N, C-alpha and C. Protein backbone atom coordinates (compact mmCIF):
# COMPACT_ATOMS: atom_id res chain seq x y z
N MET A 1 59.60 167.97 54.13
CA MET A 1 59.31 169.33 54.60
C MET A 1 59.91 170.27 53.70
N LYS A 2 58.89 171.59 53.26
CA LYS A 2 59.99 172.24 52.40
C LYS A 2 60.98 173.04 52.53
N ILE A 3 61.88 173.52 51.82
CA ILE A 3 62.87 174.56 52.57
C ILE A 3 62.49 175.43 53.16
N THR A 4 61.36 176.50 52.51
CA THR A 4 60.68 177.39 53.01
C THR A 4 60.84 177.10 54.70
N SER A 5 59.73 176.19 54.42
CA SER A 5 58.93 175.98 55.94
C SER A 5 60.45 175.96 57.00
N ALA A 6 60.82 175.08 57.00
CA ALA A 6 62.08 174.66 57.08
C ALA A 6 62.94 175.88 58.15
N PHE A 7 63.20 176.71 56.92
CA PHE A 7 64.20 177.91 56.88
C PHE A 7 63.19 178.69 57.86
N SER A 8 61.99 179.17 57.72
CA SER A 8 61.01 180.04 58.71
C SER A 8 61.08 179.19 60.10
N THR A 9 60.63 177.89 60.29
CA THR A 9 60.97 177.44 61.63
C THR A 9 61.79 177.86 62.05
N ALA A 10 63.10 178.01 61.49
CA ALA A 10 64.42 177.80 61.97
C ALA A 10 64.58 179.30 62.39
N LEU A 11 64.34 180.14 61.60
CA LEU A 11 64.21 181.69 61.49
C LEU A 11 63.27 182.06 63.17
N GLN A 12 62.10 181.11 62.94
CA GLN A 12 61.08 181.62 64.34
C GLN A 12 61.89 181.42 65.80
N GLY A 13 62.55 179.75 65.26
CA GLY A 13 63.29 179.58 66.76
C GLY A 13 64.27 180.73 67.36
N ILE A 14 64.82 181.25 66.03
CA ILE A 14 65.84 182.34 66.30
C ILE A 14 65.99 183.67 67.33
N ARG A 15 64.09 184.12 66.35
CA ARG A 15 63.50 184.73 67.08
C ARG A 15 63.11 184.82 68.28
N ARG A 16 62.56 183.56 68.58
CA ARG A 16 61.80 183.47 70.13
C ARG A 16 62.85 183.69 71.14
N GLY A 17 64.23 182.66 70.67
CA GLY A 17 65.35 182.95 71.59
C GLY A 17 65.61 184.06 72.48
N MET A 18 66.21 184.81 71.21
CA MET A 18 66.28 186.18 71.22
C MET A 18 65.71 186.99 72.05
N GLU A 19 64.27 186.86 71.97
CA GLU A 19 63.44 187.60 72.73
C GLU A 19 63.23 187.08 73.70
N GLY A 20 63.89 185.74 74.32
CA GLY A 20 63.74 185.25 75.64
C GLY A 20 65.01 185.71 76.01
N LEU A 21 66.24 185.66 75.52
CA LEU A 21 67.46 186.29 76.31
C LEU A 21 67.16 187.84 76.46
N ASP A 22 66.18 188.79 75.70
CA ASP A 22 66.01 189.74 75.85
C ASP A 22 65.29 189.94 77.26
N ARG A 23 64.21 188.73 77.59
CA ARG A 23 63.78 188.90 78.50
C ARG A 23 64.33 188.90 79.87
N ASN A 24 64.93 187.76 79.91
CA ASN A 24 65.40 187.26 80.96
C ASN A 24 66.53 188.15 81.15
N ALA A 25 67.35 189.19 80.77
CA ALA A 25 68.21 190.30 80.99
C ALA A 25 67.66 191.35 81.83
N ALA A 26 65.90 191.60 81.22
CA ALA A 26 65.54 192.72 81.75
C ALA A 26 65.17 192.25 83.23
N GLN A 27 64.48 190.85 83.51
CA GLN A 27 64.52 190.40 84.78
C GLN A 27 65.92 190.28 85.54
N LEU A 28 66.86 190.16 85.01
CA LEU A 28 68.28 190.01 85.79
C LEU A 28 68.00 191.32 86.53
N ALA A 29 68.16 192.50 85.28
CA ALA A 29 68.64 193.68 85.91
C ALA A 29 67.33 194.52 86.36
N SER A 30 66.25 194.00 86.82
CA SER A 30 65.23 194.71 87.25
C SER A 30 65.49 195.27 88.69
N ALA A 31 64.56 195.92 89.16
CA ALA A 31 64.62 196.66 90.80
C ALA A 31 64.69 195.84 91.63
N GLU A 32 63.89 194.44 91.30
CA GLU A 32 63.95 193.75 92.37
C GLU A 32 65.39 193.06 92.69
N GLN A 33 66.30 192.74 91.37
CA GLN A 33 67.16 191.70 91.44
C GLN A 33 68.48 193.29 92.14
N MET A 34 67.99 194.00 92.07
CA MET A 34 68.77 195.10 92.51
C MET A 34 68.62 195.23 93.96
N ARG A 35 67.70 194.97 94.51
CA ARG A 35 67.44 195.12 95.76
C ARG A 35 67.75 194.04 96.57
N GLY A 36 67.83 192.61 95.68
CA GLY A 36 68.11 191.41 96.53
C GLY A 36 66.41 190.75 96.71
N GLU A 37 65.66 191.47 96.24
CA GLU A 37 64.31 190.59 96.63
C GLU A 37 64.28 189.18 95.63
N ALA A 38 64.58 189.34 94.40
CA ALA A 38 63.98 188.08 93.79
C ALA A 38 65.53 187.14 93.52
N SER A 39 64.93 186.01 93.41
CA SER A 39 66.09 185.22 92.79
C SER A 39 66.73 185.17 91.41
N PRO A 40 68.01 185.21 91.21
CA PRO A 40 68.31 185.24 89.82
C PRO A 40 68.43 183.89 89.03
N VAL A 41 67.88 182.82 89.98
CA VAL A 41 68.11 181.32 89.03
C VAL A 41 67.48 181.12 88.45
N GLN A 42 66.31 181.68 88.06
CA GLN A 42 64.97 181.71 87.08
C GLN A 42 65.73 182.08 85.83
N PRO A 43 65.72 183.30 85.58
CA PRO A 43 66.21 184.24 84.45
C PRO A 43 67.64 183.61 83.85
N LEU A 44 68.75 183.19 85.09
CA LEU A 44 69.79 182.34 84.27
C LEU A 44 69.43 181.05 83.94
N VAL A 45 68.32 180.31 84.03
CA VAL A 45 68.07 178.68 83.87
C VAL A 45 67.61 179.13 82.14
N ASP A 46 66.79 180.10 82.31
CA ASP A 46 65.88 180.47 81.27
C ASP A 46 66.87 181.07 80.10
N SER A 47 67.87 181.46 80.31
CA SER A 47 68.84 182.50 79.21
C SER A 47 69.53 181.19 78.57
N LYS A 48 69.81 180.20 79.69
CA LYS A 48 70.50 179.38 79.07
C LYS A 48 69.53 178.38 78.01
N VAL A 49 68.27 178.11 78.40
CA VAL A 49 67.74 177.89 77.70
C VAL A 49 67.33 178.06 76.50
N SER A 50 67.07 179.37 76.47
CA SER A 50 66.99 180.55 75.33
C SER A 50 68.41 180.32 74.28
N ARG A 51 69.29 180.50 74.84
CA ARG A 51 70.81 180.28 74.54
C ARG A 51 70.77 179.11 73.56
N LEU A 52 70.32 177.74 73.99
CA LEU A 52 70.43 176.75 73.19
C LEU A 52 69.53 176.66 72.49
N GLN A 53 68.19 177.26 72.56
CA GLN A 53 67.04 177.44 71.20
C GLN A 53 67.62 178.12 69.99
N VAL A 54 68.43 179.05 70.33
CA VAL A 54 69.06 180.19 69.09
C VAL A 54 70.16 179.11 68.67
N GLU A 55 70.81 178.47 69.31
CA GLU A 55 71.99 177.78 68.54
C GLU A 55 71.83 176.24 67.89
N ALA A 56 70.63 175.96 68.33
CA ALA A 56 69.51 174.66 67.59
C ALA A 56 69.06 175.14 66.63
N SER A 57 68.69 176.46 66.33
CA SER A 57 67.90 176.92 65.09
C SER A 57 68.64 177.46 64.32
N ALA A 58 70.07 178.00 64.31
CA ALA A 58 71.18 178.33 63.56
C ALA A 58 71.88 177.08 62.92
N LYS A 59 71.69 176.25 63.63
CA LYS A 59 72.47 174.69 63.24
C LYS A 59 71.33 174.26 62.15
N VAL A 60 70.13 174.40 62.41
CA VAL A 60 69.07 173.80 61.57
C VAL A 60 69.44 175.06 60.18
N MET A 61 69.60 176.09 60.35
CA MET A 61 69.94 177.34 58.98
C MET A 61 70.96 176.68 58.05
N GLN A 62 72.14 176.53 58.86
CA GLN A 62 72.99 175.97 58.78
C GLN A 62 73.29 174.75 57.69
N ARG A 63 72.39 173.73 57.80
CA ARG A 63 72.01 172.65 57.36
C ARG A 63 71.00 172.63 56.00
N ILE A 64 70.25 174.00 56.29
CA ILE A 64 69.67 174.49 55.13
C ILE A 64 70.47 174.61 53.91
N ASP A 65 71.18 175.72 54.53
CA ASP A 65 72.44 176.15 53.62
C ASP A 65 73.49 175.14 52.73
N GLU A 66 73.72 174.36 53.52
CA GLU A 66 74.32 173.04 53.21
C GLU A 66 73.62 172.18 51.89
N ALA A 67 72.09 172.03 52.44
CA ALA A 67 71.36 171.24 51.56
C ALA A 67 71.17 171.89 50.13
N ILE A 68 71.17 173.04 50.29
CA ILE A 68 70.74 174.09 48.83
C ILE A 68 72.27 173.99 48.08
N GLY A 69 73.55 174.33 48.78
CA GLY A 69 74.75 174.12 48.28
C GLY A 69 74.61 172.86 47.21
N SER A 70 74.25 171.90 47.67
CA SER A 70 74.51 170.61 47.54
C SER A 70 73.79 170.01 46.07
N LEU A 71 72.63 170.73 46.20
CA LEU A 71 71.54 170.92 45.34
C LEU A 71 72.08 171.45 44.05
N PHE A 72 72.76 172.78 44.21
CA PHE A 72 73.28 173.37 43.41
C PHE A 72 74.49 173.00 42.70
N ASP A 73 75.28 172.08 43.28
CA ASP A 73 76.49 171.48 43.18
C ASP A 73 75.88 170.43 42.13
N ASP A 74 75.02 169.58 42.37
CA ASP A 74 74.44 168.07 41.43
C ASP A 74 74.17 168.61 40.36
N LYS A 75 73.23 170.04 40.42
CA LYS A 75 72.92 170.67 39.05
C LYS A 75 73.99 170.97 37.94
N ALA A 76 75.33 171.45 38.60
CA ALA A 76 76.27 172.19 37.90
C ALA A 76 76.98 171.25 36.93
């Protein structure tokens, strides 16, 4: 896998996770939630999943950064 491909995939994972967090926050803050007409369970579970997606994607980016650093160290 190319570095740019892995970086793009990680960035996309972060972006999707953040979009999920925004969507879940909107669901939790909705009028239905305020009136008690909807259960908060699913948006809360989905928020946890989105958070884990962002964290995992960030770790991929960190590993890419470390790999690039190692390559530069080897060339020096």
